[in-house]
Amino acid sequence: MTQDITVNLDAMGMATITPAGIDNGSSDNCTIDTYSLDIDSFSCADVGPNTVTLTVVDISGNSAQATAVVTVVNPTANQCSFIWRGPKRMCPKSTPNPYRYGQCQCRRDP
């Protein structure tokens, strides 16, 4: 059994989930040995609905799978801006901290 969830991206534009967040009361006649997800990390590229698969394996090796929808939300509009590349490029002069642009990091690649 699974449940759909919504997760917010953090200040770095990332979010992670655990099987416990998706599981909605899986049970078995035997003891459940492991719970796993096929996808547990999300980024700016994943904003919106994402289907994940929860796999539950009991101590006898029997497994079952179910899907859930993880809706990824970007609570900060500027959080997912692109990263500038090139040794001489800097963030805009209007940026209070030249290495931060809103919630997005600006970096200079070698």
C-alpha atoms as a PDB file:
ATOM      1  CA  MET A   1       0.000   0.000   0.000  1.00  0.00           C
ATOM      2  CA  THR A   2       1.308   3.436  -0.899  1.00  0.00           C
ATOM      3  CA  GLN A   3       0.313   7.032  -0.480  1.00  0.00           C
ATOM      4  CA  ASP A   4       0.922  10.052  -2.701  1.00  0.00           C
ATOM      5  CA  ILE A   5       3.004  12.842  -1.141  1.00  0.00           C
ATOM      6  CA  THR A   6       4.171  16.378  -1.878  1.00  0.00           C
ATOM      7  CA  VAL A   7       7.750  17.492  -1.159  1.00  0.00           C
ATOM      8  CA  ASN A   8       9.330  20.950  -1.268  1.00  0.00           C
ATOM      9  CA  LEU A   9      12.741  21.547  -2.767  1.00  0.00           C
ATOM     10  CA  ASP A  10      15.223  22.900  -0.239  1.00  0.00           C
ATOM     11  CA  ALA A  11      17.409  25.990  -0.633  1.00  0.00           C
ATOM     12  CA  MET A  12      19.809  23.996  -2.813  1.00  0.00           C
ATOM     13  CA  GLY A  13      16.996  22.855  -5.124  1.00  0.00           C
ATOM     14  CA  MET A  14      16.993  19.270  -3.810  1.00  0.00           C
ATOM     15  CA  ALA A  15      14.556  16.974  -1.969  1.00  0.00           C
ATOM     16  CA  THR A  16      14.813  13.397  -0.756  1.00  0.00           C
ATOM     17  CA  ILE A  17      12.190  10.924   0.379  1.00  0.00           C
ATOM     18  CA  THR A  18      12.260   7.630   2.259  1.00  0.00           C
ATOM     19  CA  PRO A  19      10.235   4.442   1.815  1.00  0.00           C
ATOM     20  CA  ALA A  20       8.501   5.227   5.129  1.00  0.00           C
ATOM     21  CA  GLY A  21       7.095   8.415   3.591  1.00  0.00           C
ATOM     22  CA  ILE A  22       5.506   6.476   0.723  1.00  0.00           C
ATOM     23  CA  ASP A  23       4.484   3.298   2.560  1.00  0.00           C
ATOM     24  CA  ASN A  24       0.907   3.354   3.771  1.00  0.00           C
ATOM     25  CA  GLY A  25       0.691   0.230   5.902  1.00  0.00           C
ATOM     26  CA  SER A  26       2.249  -2.553   3.860  1.00  0.00           C
ATOM     27  CA  SER A  27       1.942  -5.895   5.626  1.00  0.00           C
ATOM     28  CA  ASP A  28       2.808  -9.535   5.080  1.00  0.00           C
ATOM     29  CA  ASN A  29       2.156 -12.933   6.675  1.00  0.00           C
ATOM     30  CA  CYS A  30       5.921 -13.146   7.194  1.00  0.00           C
ATOM     31  CA  THR A  31       8.121 -10.374   8.525  1.00  0.00           C
ATOM     32  CA  ILE A  32       8.951  -7.618   6.046  1.00  0.00           C
ATOM     33  CA  ASP A  33      12.695  -7.512   5.474  1.00  0.00           C
ATOM     34  CA  THR A  34      13.253  -4.461   3.260  1.00  0.00           C
ATOM     35  CA  TYR A  35      11.484  -1.453   1.811  1.00  0.00           C
ATOM     36  CA  SER A  36      13.036   0.390  -1.147  1.00  0.00           C
ATOM     37  CA  LEU A  37      12.209   3.081  -3.681  1.00  0.00           C
ATOM     38  CA  ASP A  38      13.316   3.238  -7.301  1.00  0.00           C
ATOM     39  CA  ILE A  39      13.642   7.052  -7.025  1.00  0.00           C
ATOM     40  CA  ASP A  40      14.392   8.846  -3.758  1.00  0.00           C
ATOM     41  CA  SER A  41      16.082  12.115  -4.814  1.00  0.00           C
ATOM     42  CA  PHE A  42      14.566  15.024  -6.700  1.00  0.00           C
ATOM     43  CA  SER A  43      15.861  18.290  -8.145  1.00  0.00           C
ATOM     44  CA  CYS A  44      14.580  21.332 -10.014  1.00  0.00           C
ATOM     45  CA  ALA A  45      14.233  19.172 -13.121  1.00  0.00           C
ATOM     46  CA  ASP A  46      11.595  17.075 -11.325  1.00  0.00           C
ATOM     47  CA  VAL A  47       9.122  19.837 -10.392  1.00  0.00           C
ATOM     48  CA  GLY A  48       5.608  18.470 -10.794  1.00  0.00           C
ATOM     49  CA  PRO A  49       4.266  14.921 -10.477  1.00  0.00           C
ATOM     50  CA  ASN A  50       6.711  11.982 -10.456  1.00  0.00           C
ATOM     51  CA  THR A  51       5.786   8.308 -10.239  1.00  0.00           C
ATOM     52  CA  VAL A  52       7.889   6.246  -7.833  1.00  0.00           C
ATOM     53  CA  THR A  53       7.790   2.532  -7.133  1.00  0.00           C
ATOM     54  CA  LEU A  54       7.916   1.120  -3.613  1.00  0.00           C
ATOM     55  CA  THR A  55       9.227  -2.456  -3.395  1.00  0.00           C
ATOM     56  CA  VAL A  56       8.636  -4.493  -0.242  1.00  0.00           C
ATOM     57  CA  VAL A  57      10.485  -7.782   0.288  1.00  0.00           C
ATOM     58  CA  ASP A  58       9.677 -10.249   3.064  1.00  0.00           C
ATOM     59  CA  ILE A  59      12.124 -12.573   4.848  1.00  0.00           C
ATOM     60  CA  SER A  60      11.248 -15.391   2.426  1.00  0.00           C
ATOM     61  CA  GLY A  61      12.306 -13.298  -0.548  1.00  0.00           C
ATOM     62  CA  ASN A  62       8.792 -12.630  -1.831  1.00  0.00           C
ATOM     63  CA  SER A  63       8.334  -9.106  -3.128  1.00  0.00           C
ATOM     64  CA  ALA A  64       5.514  -6.770  -4.026  1.00  0.00           C
ATOM     65  CA  GLN A  65       5.522  -3.400  -5.726  1.00  0.00           C
ATOM     66  CA  ALA A  66       3.164  -0.451  -5.777  1.00  0.00           C
ATOM     67  CA  THR A  67       3.427   3.032  -7.243  1.00  0.00           C
ATOM     68  CA  ALA A  68       2.783   6.451  -5.757  1.00  0.00           C
ATOM     69  CA  VAL A  69       2.962   9.991  -7.061  1.00  0.00           C
ATOM     70  CA  VAL A  70       5.499  12.356  -5.524  1.00  0.00           C
ATOM     71  CA  THR A  71       4.657  15.941  -6.405  1.00  0.00           C
ATOM     72  CA  VAL A  72       7.761  18.109  -6.249  1.00  0.00           C
ATOM     73  CA  VAL A  73       7.155  21.774  -5.446  1.00  0.00           C
ATOM     74  CA  ASN A  74       9.563  24.670  -5.919  1.00  0.00           C
ATOM     75  CA  PRO A  75       8.583  27.123  -3.143  1.00  0.00           C
ATOM     76  CA  THR A  76      11.109  29.760  -4.252  1.00  0.00           C
ATOM     77  CA  ALA A  77      10.721  31.033  -7.796  1.00  0.00           C
ATOM     78  CA  ASN A  78      14.418  31.865  -8.254  1.00  0.00           C
ATOM     79  CA  GLN A  79      15.620  28.659  -6.654  1.00  0.00           C
ATOM     80  CA  CYS A  80      16.197  26.854  -9.919  1.00  0.00           C
ATOM     81  CA  SER A  81      18.022  29.423 -12.001  1.00  0.00           C
ATOM     82  CA  PHE A  82      20.842  28.209 -14.179  1.00  0.00           C
ATOM     83  CA  ILE A  83      24.429  28.162 -12.953  1.00  0.00           C
ATOM     84  CA  TRP A  84      26.747  30.450 -14.865  1.00  0.00           C
ATOM     85  CA  ARG A  85      29.846  28.872 -16.345  1.00  0.00           C
ATOM     86  CA  GLY A  86      33.206  30.280 -17.313  1.00  0.00           C
ATOM     87  CA  PRO A  87      36.139  31.589 -15.284  1.00  0.00           C
ATOM     88  CA  LYS A  88      35.336  35.282 -15.779  1.00  0.00           C
ATOM     89  CA  ARG A  89      31.562  35.363 -15.331  1.00  0.00           C
ATOM     90  CA  MET A  90      30.143  36.767 -12.150  1.00  0.00           C
ATOM     91  CA  CYS A  91      26.682  37.208 -10.717  1.00  0.00           C
ATOM     92  CA  PRO A  92      24.897  40.463 -11.567  1.00  0.00           C
ATOM     93  CA  LYS A  93      26.211  43.561  -9.796  1.00  0.00           C
ATOM     94  CA  SER A  94      22.771  44.070  -8.297  1.00  0.00           C
ATOM     95  CA  THR A  95      23.150  40.839  -6.347  1.00  0.00           C
ATOM     96  CA  PRO A  96      23.881  41.648  -2.663  1.00  0.00           C
ATOM     97  CA  ASN A  97      26.249  38.694  -2.370  1.00  0.00           C
ATOM     98  CA  PRO A  98      28.161  38.106  -5.625  1.00  0.00           C
ATOM     99  CA  TYR A  99      28.157  34.347  -5.052  1.00  0.00           C
ATOM    100  CA  ARG A 100      24.418  34.030  -4.448  1.00  0.00           C
ATOM    101  CA  TYR A 101      21.566  35.019  -6.722  1.00  0.00           C
ATOM    102  CA  GLY A 102      18.275  34.701  -4.896  1.00  0.00           C
ATOM    103  CA  GLN A 103      18.316  31.129  -3.641  1.00  0.00           C
ATOM    104  CA  CYS A 104      20.606  29.994  -6.465  1.00  0.00           C
ATOM    105  CA  GLN A 105      24.319  29.651  -6.273  1.00  0.00           C
ATOM    106  CA  CYS A 106      26.487  31.215  -8.914  1.00  0.00           C
ATOM    107  CA  ARG A 107      29.819  29.586  -9.461  1.00  0.00           C
ATOM    108  CA  ARG A 108      32.810  30.006 -11.660  1.00  0.00           C
ATOM    109  CA  ASP A 109      34.006  26.807 -13.250  1.00  0.00           C
ATOM    110  CA  PRO A 110      37.752  26.445 -13.930  1.00  0.00           C
END
